[in-house]
Every structure is written in C-alpha cells, then in structure tokens.
Amino acid sequence: MKKNVFIILGILSLIFLVSCNKDDTYEQSMKKAEEAISEKKFVKADGFIEIASESRPKDEKSRIFLKQIKLYLEALDNKKAKKNDKAINKFQEVIEITDGSDKLVSYAKSEKSKLEKIEKDEKKNKTAWNEAKSETLKKFMASFGSKMGQRYNEYNQINSMDFNGLSVPKDILSGKLKLAVNDQPVKVERYGNGQGTAVNQLVAVYADEEIDKHIYFFVIQNSIPKIWVTQQNQGNDERYLYVKETENMDLINGFNSTLKGEKIVKVEPVSENATTEEIVEETTEETTEETTEETVPEQEEQTYTDISAQEFATLYAKWSGRNFPIMHEADYLAKINGKSDTNEEQSLVITYGDRDNNTLQCAVSMPGKMSEEFYTYNKQEQKAYLNHNTAGYSVEEAGDFTSYIHDNM
C-alpha cells in the first residue's frame, strides 16, 4: 500500500514539474519574442512565438502573436520583391489584429505609410506629362536650338507671345484663336493633371526668335504624341492659326523619348559655314569608316509590299476583329469638332494617319476620351508596335500583328 502511494506521489510530482517547465518555457519564449520584436529581429521573434505556442497549444495570446508575426514577415517579403500593393495589404492586416503586439502594429503603420507615399510618387511620375518631362523637353529644345543656330523660348498661359495682337497660347486655350490642322479647326486644352476631355491635350509651346517665327505646339492627341508647326505671320477674319505636323525627325524623336521618360541624346550643333553637301559628305565618311572596321556577312533581304496608313488601319480592324468605321484622323477631328453631342458621335472609330515619313499609326478613337493604346508600323523596320498610355508612355513590339500584316499583303 505504502509502495503504491509513493508511486502515485512520484507521478504527480513529475506532472507538476513538467507543467512548471512548460509554464517557464512559455513565459520565457514570449518575453524573448517581445524583446526580439523591439530589436526588429522578426525572424527570431517568430521562432520564439512558435515555441511558446507549442508549449501552450490552446493559448489565445500566442496564437494571435503568431498570426501577426507571420503576416508581418509576409509583408516584408512582398516589400523586398517590390510588390508594394501586396505588402500594403499585409501591413494593413497586421494593423487590424487586436490583442497582439502593439509594436508590430506601430511598425506596420510606418511601413504602410512609406509604401503608400512611394506608390503615389511613382503614379505621379508615370503620368503622360509632368514637371520632370517638361524640364527634359526644355533641355532638349535648348540643344535643338543650338543645332539650328536659333534660340527657342517656351510660352504658356502666363507668359504668352504676341501674335497680331493676340496671345499664344493663352487665346488658343480660351478659344479666341483657333488652331487649324489641315485647314480644319480643332479644339485643344491644356494638359494640366491629365484629366481633360478634349482629344488634343497641349503640353508645351516653343517658338524661335526669328522674324518669321517657327512656332511648335507639342500635343498629346488621343494618347499619340504630335508636334504641330506654323510660320503664319498674318491674322485672318476666322482667327485661325494654320498648323501642320512637323517632319523634323530630331523634334519627333525628342518628344517621343521625353514622353517615354528616356534619356535624350544631345542634338549636336552643325557648323554655321557647313553646306548641306558637306554635312552629307561628312556623315557618309563616318559611316564608311565604321563599316570598314567590321565586315558583316550579307543576309538575304526580306521584302514586303509597302502599305499606306489606310491599309494599315484596315489590316488592324481585321486582325483585331473590331468592325468599326475607318476614318483618317483629320477627317475624324473635323467631324467631331463640327457636331454637338449625338449618339452617332459617341460611336467608336478606327482613326489612321502618318505619324512621320516612316511611321504609320492607327487607334480606336472616341470623342472626349483619350485612347489607352494605339498601334504604329515602322516601314523601315517592317514591324508593328503597341503603344501604351495607361500608366505613362511605353512601347512594345506587336509580333503577332506584324506577322498578320506580312501574311496578308
């Protein structure tokens, strides 16, 4: 009997010791976890909380702490991987957990705030036009003016230039003076924050200081960059300022690169005394020297039938399956500027045109709304490209469309 009593007492003592040991493990682990959190050693804290949770499987506090630290570590992983949206969401989940670590909540609020600011700044920088791009264009125009032996000044609503008693661009934006493209008046508005409704968003105006001024209007038209130029020096009863698209490739490439946020190569000035023949000869010599340095094996040249802008738009309609009316962009602009709002006007149209001598373009257009994307075709490269304008200006090769063009011409 006494022997059995001793056995029972021994078992109870062992249970008591194990229980005490588990209590000690839990308390010590939770204490070390909180210390690790204070020191921002989150992986170490996670390990201590897991030990505490194992020592007390049904404990609510360790369960909450464990969930919270796991979410925080996941948020940090997303932040490291530049997945800011996911990281922000995970930090928010940490913040919403009650009865957990106050320090983790504080850290999560701080991290979330930083990421939200980064996202806001990136979104601002990705807009089609902003102060940084305006400054880039200003530097480019200074370089371009140096090449042309001219000086270009920027004009805006506050600092407008005089044009036969009217102010440019102030009176254009107010409607007192109208721009006419291909003899058709068009409506333009200042780009501002990019929330305008007009098809033509004016982002910059530059003019030289010559008597017969070159005035350049930098416009985003349905997400497509345009540069209109005029040398008109007289007014008219209609109060029209007649403009046309520039054919100057330096300007076109500079504006396109500015919109994309690319670094612009400085336009080298041409010697004042150099003739056109000398410039061509010099360029030819440089090209010849570069060519002789390395002999490239001749490749069989592929040739495809040249296409017009209208044919390009027709092929796009068939390839994309968009059975919309097809119209030249000048005719389309004349139509929507000459009508009031009607159901017919609001229908979708595939517009086309020549972006420059080498590039065709087409887009699905709708009055009052800028196209989120448009397609271009480089005749020299014989390739189609998709141009995006949803989060800034970007371009990618459209291989499937290119193949379709080649197969159907």
Protein backbone atom coordinates (compact mmCIF):
# COMPACT_ATOMS: atom_id res chain seq x y z
CA MET A 1 0.00 0.00 0.00
CA LYS A 2 2.75 2.43 1.01
CA LYS A 3 4.58 1.49 -2.21
CA ASN A 4 1.59 2.46 -4.34
CA VAL A 5 1.28 5.76 -2.50
CA PHE A 6 4.90 6.57 -3.28
CA ILE A 7 4.37 5.72 -6.95
CA ILE A 8 1.32 7.98 -7.21
CA LEU A 9 3.17 10.82 -5.47
CA GLY A 10 6.07 10.39 -7.88
CA ILE A 11 3.82 10.60 -10.92
CA LEU A 12 2.09 13.73 -9.56
CA SER A 13 5.46 15.33 -8.86
CA LEU A 14 6.60 14.59 -12.42
CA ILE A 15 3.39 16.08 -13.87
CA PHE A 16 3.86 19.15 -11.70
CA LEU A 17 7.47 19.55 -12.81
CA VAL A 18 6.56 19.14 -16.50
CA SER A 19 3.75 21.66 -16.07
CA CYS A 20 6.07 24.11 -14.38
CA ASN A 21 8.66 23.55 -17.09
CA LYS A 22 6.07 24.30 -19.81
CA ASP A 23 4.99 27.42 -17.97
CA ASP A 24 8.60 28.56 -17.75
CA THR A 25 9.13 27.80 -21.46
CA TYR A 26 6.02 29.75 -22.46
CA GLU A 27 6.80 32.79 -20.32
CA GLN A 28 10.45 32.90 -21.32
CA SER A 29 9.67 32.42 -25.04
CA MET A 30 7.02 35.15 -25.10
CA LYS A 31 9.35 37.51 -23.25
CA LYS A 32 12.19 36.84 -25.69
CA ALA A 33 9.78 37.22 -28.63
CA GLU A 34 8.76 40.70 -27.47
CA GLU A 35 12.40 41.64 -26.96
CA ALA A 36 13.22 40.45 -30.48
CA ILE A 37 10.33 42.50 -31.89
CA SER A 38 11.64 45.58 -30.10
CA GLU A 39 15.02 44.95 -31.72
CA LYS A 40 13.30 44.38 -35.09
CA LYS A 41 14.63 40.82 -35.28
CA PHE A 42 11.38 39.49 -36.65
CA VAL A 43 12.52 36.02 -37.79
CA LYS A 44 13.97 35.40 -34.35
CA ALA A 45 10.72 36.61 -32.76
CA ASP A 46 8.75 34.24 -34.98
CA GLY A 47 10.81 31.32 -33.65
CA PHE A 48 10.22 32.22 -30.00
CA ILE A 49 6.47 32.64 -30.55
CA GLU A 50 6.28 29.20 -32.18
CA ILE A 51 8.00 27.66 -29.13
CA ALA A 52 5.56 29.44 -26.83
CA SER A 53 2.61 28.27 -28.91
CA GLU A 54 3.82 24.67 -28.84
CA SER A 55 4.18 24.77 -25.06
CA ARG A 56 0.60 26.04 -24.76
CA PRO A 57 -1.29 24.87 -27.88
CA LYS A 58 -4.61 26.37 -26.75
CA ASP A 59 -3.23 29.71 -25.64
CA GLU A 60 -5.02 32.60 -27.38
CA LYS A 61 -2.28 35.21 -26.89
CA SER A 62 0.48 33.18 -28.56
CA ARG A 63 -1.92 32.25 -31.39
CA ILE A 64 -2.64 35.93 -32.08
CA PHE A 65 1.03 36.89 -31.86
CA LEU A 66 1.95 34.03 -34.20
CA LYS A 67 -0.60 35.10 -36.83
CA GLN A 68 0.53 38.70 -36.56
CA ILE A 69 4.25 38.00 -36.93
CA LYS A 70 3.62 35.69 -39.90
CA LEU A 71 1.65 38.43 -41.68
CA TYR A 72 4.36 40.98 -40.90
CA LEU A 73 7.09 38.73 -42.31
CA GLU A 74 4.98 38.14 -45.43
CA ALA A 75 4.57 41.89 -45.85
CA LEU A 76 8.34 42.39 -45.61
CA ASP A 77 8.90 39.69 -48.25
CA ASN A 78 6.49 41.46 -50.62
CA LYS A 79 8.17 44.78 -49.95
CA LYS A 80 11.57 43.26 -50.78
CA ALA A 81 10.13 41.82 -54.01
CA LYS A 82 8.80 45.31 -54.95
CA LYS A 83 5.22 44.03 -54.71
CA ASN A 84 4.12 47.15 -52.92
CA ASP A 85 0.37 46.65 -53.30
CA LYS A 86 0.51 43.22 -51.66
CA ALA A 87 2.86 44.50 -48.95
CA ILE A 88 0.48 47.37 -48.12
CA ASN A 89 -2.42 44.93 -47.81
CA LYS A 90 -0.46 42.64 -45.48
CA PHE A 91 0.67 45.53 -43.28
CA GLN A 92 -2.98 46.57 -43.04
CA GLU A 93 -3.90 43.06 -41.85
CA VAL A 94 -1.25 43.35 -39.13
CA ILE A 95 -2.71 46.70 -38.05
CA GLU A 96 -6.25 45.30 -37.82
CA ILE A 97 -5.29 42.49 -35.41
CA THR A 98 -6.30 43.32 -31.83
CA ASP A 99 -4.74 41.98 -28.61
CA GLY A 100 -1.46 41.34 -30.41
CA SER A 101 1.86 43.19 -30.38
CA ASP A 102 1.45 46.96 -30.18
CA LYS A 103 4.97 47.39 -31.54
CA LEU A 104 4.17 45.31 -34.63
CA VAL A 105 1.13 47.48 -35.23
CA SER A 106 3.27 50.61 -34.91
CA TYR A 107 5.90 49.21 -37.31
CA ALA A 108 3.22 48.15 -39.79
CA LYS A 109 1.65 51.63 -39.81
CA SER A 110 5.02 53.23 -40.50
CA GLU A 111 5.92 50.77 -43.29
CA LYS A 112 2.48 51.09 -44.89
CA SER A 113 2.70 54.88 -44.88
CA LYS A 114 6.13 54.80 -46.57
CA LEU A 115 4.97 52.39 -49.27
CA GLU A 116 1.82 54.41 -49.97
CA LYS A 117 3.97 57.51 -50.50
CA ILE A 118 6.23 55.58 -52.88
CA GLU A 119 3.22 54.33 -54.83
CA LYS A 120 1.78 57.84 -55.01
CA ASP A 121 5.08 59.30 -56.25
CA GLU A 122 5.52 56.54 -58.84
CA LYS A 123 2.00 57.03 -60.12
CA LYS A 124 2.63 60.75 -60.40
CA ASN A 125 5.86 60.17 -62.33
CA LYS A 126 4.17 57.77 -64.74
CA THR A 127 1.60 60.26 -65.97
CA ALA A 128 1.82 61.15 -69.65
CA TRP A 129 3.15 64.61 -68.78
CA ASN A 130 4.66 66.05 -65.62
CA GLU A 131 7.18 68.64 -64.43
CA ALA A 132 10.14 66.32 -64.92
CA LYS A 133 9.21 65.69 -68.57
CA SER A 134 8.60 69.39 -69.09
CA GLU A 135 12.12 70.10 -67.85
CA THR A 136 13.53 67.36 -70.11
CA LEU A 137 11.81 68.90 -73.13
CA LYS A 138 13.16 72.33 -72.19
CA LYS A 139 16.73 70.98 -72.19
CA PHE A 140 16.13 69.19 -75.48
CA MET A 141 14.80 72.36 -77.14
CA ALA A 142 17.89 74.24 -76.00
CA SER A 143 20.02 71.54 -77.65
CA PHE A 144 17.84 71.57 -80.77
CA GLY A 145 18.06 75.37 -80.99
CA SER A 146 21.84 75.17 -80.75
CA LYS A 147 21.92 72.79 -83.71
CA MET A 148 19.62 75.02 -85.76
CA GLY A 149 21.52 78.18 -84.82
CA GLN A 150 18.37 79.54 -83.15
CA ARG A 151 17.08 80.18 -79.67
CA TYR A 152 13.74 78.72 -78.63
CA ASN A 153 11.62 80.21 -75.86
CA GLU A 154 8.81 78.43 -74.04
CA TYR A 155 5.37 80.08 -73.84
CA ASN A 156 2.35 79.32 -71.67
CA GLN A 157 -0.85 80.90 -70.36
CA ILE A 158 1.05 83.23 -68.05
CA ASN A 159 3.93 84.00 -70.42
CA SER A 160 2.31 84.17 -73.88
CA MET A 161 3.79 85.54 -77.11
CA ASP A 162 2.16 88.25 -79.21
CA PHE A 163 0.58 87.14 -82.48
CA ASN A 164 -1.04 90.04 -84.37
CA GLY A 165 -2.49 91.45 -81.17
CA LEU A 166 -3.49 88.05 -79.77
CA SER A 167 -1.68 86.00 -77.14
CA VAL A 168 -0.36 82.49 -77.89
CA PRO A 169 -1.15 80.08 -76.31
CA LYS A 170 -3.44 81.95 -73.90
CA ASP A 171 -6.00 82.95 -76.54
CA ILE A 172 -5.89 79.49 -78.11
CA LEU A 173 -6.80 77.86 -74.81
CA SER A 174 -9.54 80.42 -74.20
CA GLY A 175 -11.00 79.96 -77.71
CA LYS A 176 -10.31 83.47 -79.04
CA LEU A 177 -7.83 82.00 -81.52
CA LYS A 178 -8.25 78.55 -83.08
CA LEU A 179 -5.66 76.11 -84.36
CA ALA A 180 -6.49 74.65 -87.76
CA VAL A 181 -4.88 71.34 -88.74
CA ASN A 182 -5.09 70.58 -92.47
CA ASP A 183 -7.39 73.63 -92.75
CA GLN A 184 -9.79 72.17 -90.16
CA PRO A 185 -10.21 73.93 -86.77
CA VAL A 186 -9.51 71.73 -83.76
CA LYS A 187 -10.18 72.16 -80.07
CA VAL A 188 -7.22 71.99 -77.69
CA GLU A 189 -6.91 72.28 -73.95
CA ARG A 190 -4.01 72.49 -71.52
CA TYR A 191 -2.93 69.06 -70.31
CA GLY A 192 -2.96 70.09 -66.65
CA ASN A 193 -3.30 66.97 -64.48
CA GLY A 194 -4.27 64.76 -67.42
CA GLN A 195 -7.98 64.75 -66.58
CA GLY A 196 -9.10 66.82 -69.57
CA THR A 197 -11.73 65.65 -72.03
CA ALA A 198 -10.50 67.23 -75.28
CA VAL A 199 -8.90 64.98 -77.88
CA ASN A 200 -5.91 67.34 -78.15
CA GLN A 201 -4.01 67.98 -74.92
CA LEU A 202 -1.47 70.81 -75.27
CA VAL A 203 1.62 70.19 -73.12
CA ALA A 204 4.12 72.79 -74.41
CA VAL A 205 4.63 75.66 -76.88
CA TYR A 206 8.04 76.78 -78.19
CA ALA A 207 8.99 79.45 -80.72
CA ASP A 208 12.26 80.82 -82.07
CA GLU A 209 13.25 84.49 -82.10
CA GLU A 210 13.33 84.92 -85.89
CA ILE A 211 11.12 87.45 -87.71
CA ASP A 212 9.27 84.61 -89.44
CA LYS A 213 8.89 82.57 -86.30
CA HIS A 214 8.64 78.78 -86.16
CA ILE A 215 6.00 78.07 -83.50
CA TYR A 216 5.84 74.47 -82.29
CA PHE A 217 2.84 73.06 -80.44
CA PHE A 218 3.56 69.83 -78.53
CA VAL A 219 0.30 67.91 -78.23
CA ILE A 220 -0.92 64.53 -76.98
CA GLN A 221 -3.75 63.57 -79.32
CA ASN A 222 -5.72 60.50 -78.22
CA SER A 223 -2.54 59.30 -76.46
CA ILE A 224 -0.47 59.90 -79.62
CA PRO A 225 2.35 62.48 -79.49
CA LYS A 226 2.04 65.21 -82.12
CA ILE A 227 4.10 68.29 -82.95
CA TRP A 228 2.32 70.99 -84.97
CA VAL A 229 4.31 73.81 -86.54
CA THR A 230 3.38 77.13 -88.13
CA GLN A 231 5.18 80.10 -89.67
CA GLN A 232 1.99 82.07 -90.25
CA ASN A 233 2.70 85.78 -89.82
CA GLN A 234 -0.69 87.35 -90.58
CA GLY A 235 -4.10 87.20 -88.98
CA ASN A 236 -7.38 86.42 -90.72
CA ASP A 237 -11.08 87.04 -90.26
CA GLU A 238 -11.64 83.49 -88.96
CA ARG A 239 -8.93 83.96 -86.34
CA TYR A 240 -7.34 80.67 -87.40
CA LEU A 241 -3.71 79.79 -86.81
CA TYR A 242 -2.93 77.23 -89.51
CA VAL A 243 -0.55 74.46 -88.45
CA LYS A 244 0.78 71.22 -89.91
CA GLU A 245 2.69 68.26 -88.47
CA THR A 246 6.41 68.77 -88.42
CA GLU A 247 8.63 66.47 -90.48
CA ASN A 248 11.72 67.23 -88.40
CA MET A 249 12.85 63.83 -87.08
CA ASP A 250 15.03 65.37 -84.35
CA LEU A 251 11.95 67.01 -82.85
CA ILE A 252 9.74 63.94 -83.31
CA ASN A 253 12.26 61.60 -81.71
CA GLY A 254 13.00 64.05 -78.90
CA PHE A 255 9.33 64.45 -77.99
CA ASN A 256 8.69 60.69 -78.18
CA SER A 257 11.67 59.97 -75.92
CA THR A 258 10.53 62.64 -73.47
CA LEU A 259 7.08 61.05 -73.18
CA LYS A 260 8.67 57.64 -72.57
CA GLY A 261 10.87 59.08 -69.85
CA GLU A 262 14.00 58.11 -71.78
CA LYS A 263 17.30 59.93 -71.66
CA ILE A 264 17.58 62.17 -74.72
CA VAL A 265 20.82 62.21 -76.67
CA LYS A 266 22.04 65.76 -77.10
CA VAL A 267 21.48 67.15 -80.61
CA GLU A 268 24.93 68.13 -81.84
CA PRO A 269 25.18 71.61 -83.40
CA VAL A 270 26.00 71.96 -87.09
CA SER A 271 28.80 74.30 -88.19
CA GLU A 272 27.40 77.63 -89.39
CA ASN A 273 29.57 77.51 -92.52
CA ALA A 274 28.84 73.90 -93.41
CA THR A 275 26.73 73.36 -96.52
CA THR A 276 24.19 70.59 -96.90
CA GLU A 277 26.56 68.75 -99.26
CA GLU A 278 29.42 68.96 -96.70
CA ILE A 279 27.20 67.65 -93.91
CA VAL A 280 26.05 64.72 -96.04
CA GLU A 281 29.62 64.01 -97.16
CA GLU A 282 30.89 64.09 -93.55
CA THR A 283 28.15 61.75 -92.39
CA THR A 284 28.88 59.38 -95.29
CA GLU A 285 32.61 59.31 -94.46
CA GLU A 286 31.90 58.50 -90.81
CA THR A 287 29.53 55.73 -91.81
CA THR A 288 32.06 54.31 -94.28
CA GLU A 289 34.80 54.27 -91.63
CA GLU A 290 32.55 52.48 -89.15
CA THR A 291 31.51 49.95 -91.79
CA THR A 292 35.09 49.07 -92.81
CA GLU A 293 36.04 48.27 -89.23
CA GLU A 294 33.94 45.13 -89.16
CA THR A 295 32.64 43.16 -92.14
CA VAL A 296 29.14 41.88 -91.54
CA PRO A 297 28.04 38.85 -93.56
CA GLU A 298 25.38 39.69 -96.10
CA GLN A 299 21.93 38.40 -95.29
CA GLU A 300 19.14 37.69 -97.68
CA GLU A 301 16.86 40.70 -97.58
CA GLN A 302 13.17 40.13 -97.00
CA THR A 303 10.85 42.44 -98.85
CA TYR A 304 7.21 43.14 -98.23
CA THR A 305 4.74 45.27 -100.12
CA ASP A 306 4.69 48.83 -98.82
CA ILE A 307 1.38 49.79 -97.17
CA SER A 308 -0.47 53.03 -96.66
CA ALA A 309 -1.88 54.29 -93.37
CA GLN A 310 -5.41 53.39 -94.51
CA GLU A 311 -4.33 49.84 -95.43
CA PHE A 312 -2.61 49.56 -92.05
CA ALA A 313 -5.84 50.55 -90.27
CA THR A 314 -7.86 48.10 -92.38
CA LEU A 315 -5.48 45.26 -91.52
CA TYR A 316 -5.70 46.22 -87.85
CA ALA A 317 -9.51 46.07 -87.97
CA LYS A 318 -9.43 42.57 -89.48
CA TRP A 319 -6.68 41.31 -87.18
CA SER A 320 -8.30 42.64 -84.00
CA GLY A 321 -11.86 41.77 -85.05
CA ARG A 322 -13.02 45.33 -84.41
CA ASN A 323 -15.65 46.07 -87.03
CA PHE A 324 -15.64 49.87 -86.58
CA PRO A 325 -15.75 52.60 -89.23
CA ILE A 326 -12.30 53.57 -90.53
CA MET A 327 -11.52 57.27 -90.98
CA HIS A 328 -8.47 59.50 -91.46
CA GLU A 329 -7.71 61.30 -88.20
CA ALA A 330 -8.02 64.76 -89.83
CA ASP A 331 -11.50 63.91 -91.14
CA TYR A 332 -12.44 62.46 -87.77
CA LEU A 333 -11.31 65.58 -85.90
CA ALA A 334 -13.21 67.78 -88.34
CA LYS A 335 -16.34 65.66 -87.81
CA ILE A 336 -16.31 65.71 -84.00
CA ASN A 337 -15.41 69.39 -83.83
CA GLY A 338 -18.27 70.27 -86.14
CA LYS A 339 -21.04 68.42 -84.32
CA SER A 340 -22.81 68.60 -80.99
CA ASP A 341 -23.05 65.53 -78.77
CA THR A 342 -25.07 62.82 -80.52
CA ASN A 343 -25.25 59.07 -80.31
CA GLU A 344 -23.58 58.87 -83.70
CA GLU A 345 -20.69 60.99 -82.47
CA GLN A 346 -20.12 58.78 -79.46
CA SER A 347 -19.55 55.63 -81.59
CA LEU A 348 -16.09 54.09 -81.82
CA VAL A 349 -13.98 54.77 -84.90
CA ILE A 350 -10.61 53.44 -86.07
CA THR A 351 -8.57 56.52 -86.99
CA TYR A 352 -5.37 56.42 -89.03
CA GLY A 353 -2.63 58.73 -90.22
CA ASP A 354 1.08 59.14 -90.97
CA ARG A 355 2.99 59.84 -87.77
CA ASP A 356 6.02 60.78 -89.87
CA ASN A 357 7.50 59.77 -93.22
CA ASN A 358 8.47 56.35 -91.86
CA THR A 359 5.70 55.55 -89.36
CA LEU A 360 2.01 54.74 -89.74
CA GLN A 361 -0.43 54.79 -86.85
CA CYS A 362 -3.97 53.80 -86.01
CA ALA A 363 -6.12 53.88 -82.88
CA VAL A 364 -9.63 53.17 -81.70
CA SER A 365 -10.96 56.67 -81.01
CA MET A 366 -13.96 58.07 -79.19
CA PRO A 367 -14.81 61.76 -78.70
CA GLY A 368 -13.90 63.12 -75.27
CA LYS A 369 -11.79 60.14 -74.27
CA MET A 370 -8.07 59.56 -74.74
CA SER A 371 -7.18 56.15 -76.19
CA GLU A 372 -5.39 53.88 -73.73
CA GLU A 373 -3.38 52.29 -76.54
CA PHE A 374 -2.61 52.67 -80.24
CA TYR A 375 -0.60 50.81 -82.88
CA THR A 376 2.22 52.05 -85.09
CA TYR A 377 4.05 50.47 -88.03
CA ASN A 378 7.68 51.26 -88.80
CA LYS A 379 8.03 50.92 -92.58
CA GLN A 380 11.82 50.74 -92.47
CA GLU A 381 11.87 48.01 -89.81
CA GLN A 382 8.64 46.46 -91.19
CA LYS A 383 7.40 45.91 -87.64
CA ALA A 384 4.23 46.80 -85.75
CA TYR A 385 4.32 48.21 -82.23
CA LEU A 386 1.75 48.53 -79.44
CA ASN A 387 1.93 51.89 -77.64
CA HIS A 388 0.52 52.13 -74.11
CA ASN A 389 -0.69 55.26 -72.35
CA THR A 390 -2.40 53.80 -69.26
CA ALA A 391 0.50 54.31 -66.84
CA GLY A 392 2.75 56.61 -68.68
CA TYR A 393 4.01 56.11 -72.23
CA SER A 394 5.53 52.73 -73.16
CA VAL A 395 6.03 50.74 -76.37
CA GLU A 396 6.27 47.02 -77.07
CA GLU A 397 6.69 45.05 -80.27
CA ALA A 398 3.45 43.51 -81.61
CA GLY A 399 4.85 40.35 -83.21
CA ASP A 400 1.50 38.70 -83.98
CA PHE A 401 0.22 41.81 -85.73
CA THR A 402 3.47 42.12 -87.71
CA SER A 403 3.11 38.52 -88.93
CA TYR A 404 -0.52 39.16 -89.89
CA ILE A 405 0.48 42.22 -91.94
CA HIS A 406 3.18 40.30 -93.80
CA ASP A 407 0.87 37.34 -94.46
CA ASN A 408 -1.94 39.49 -95.83
CA MET A 409 -0.09 41.96 -98.05
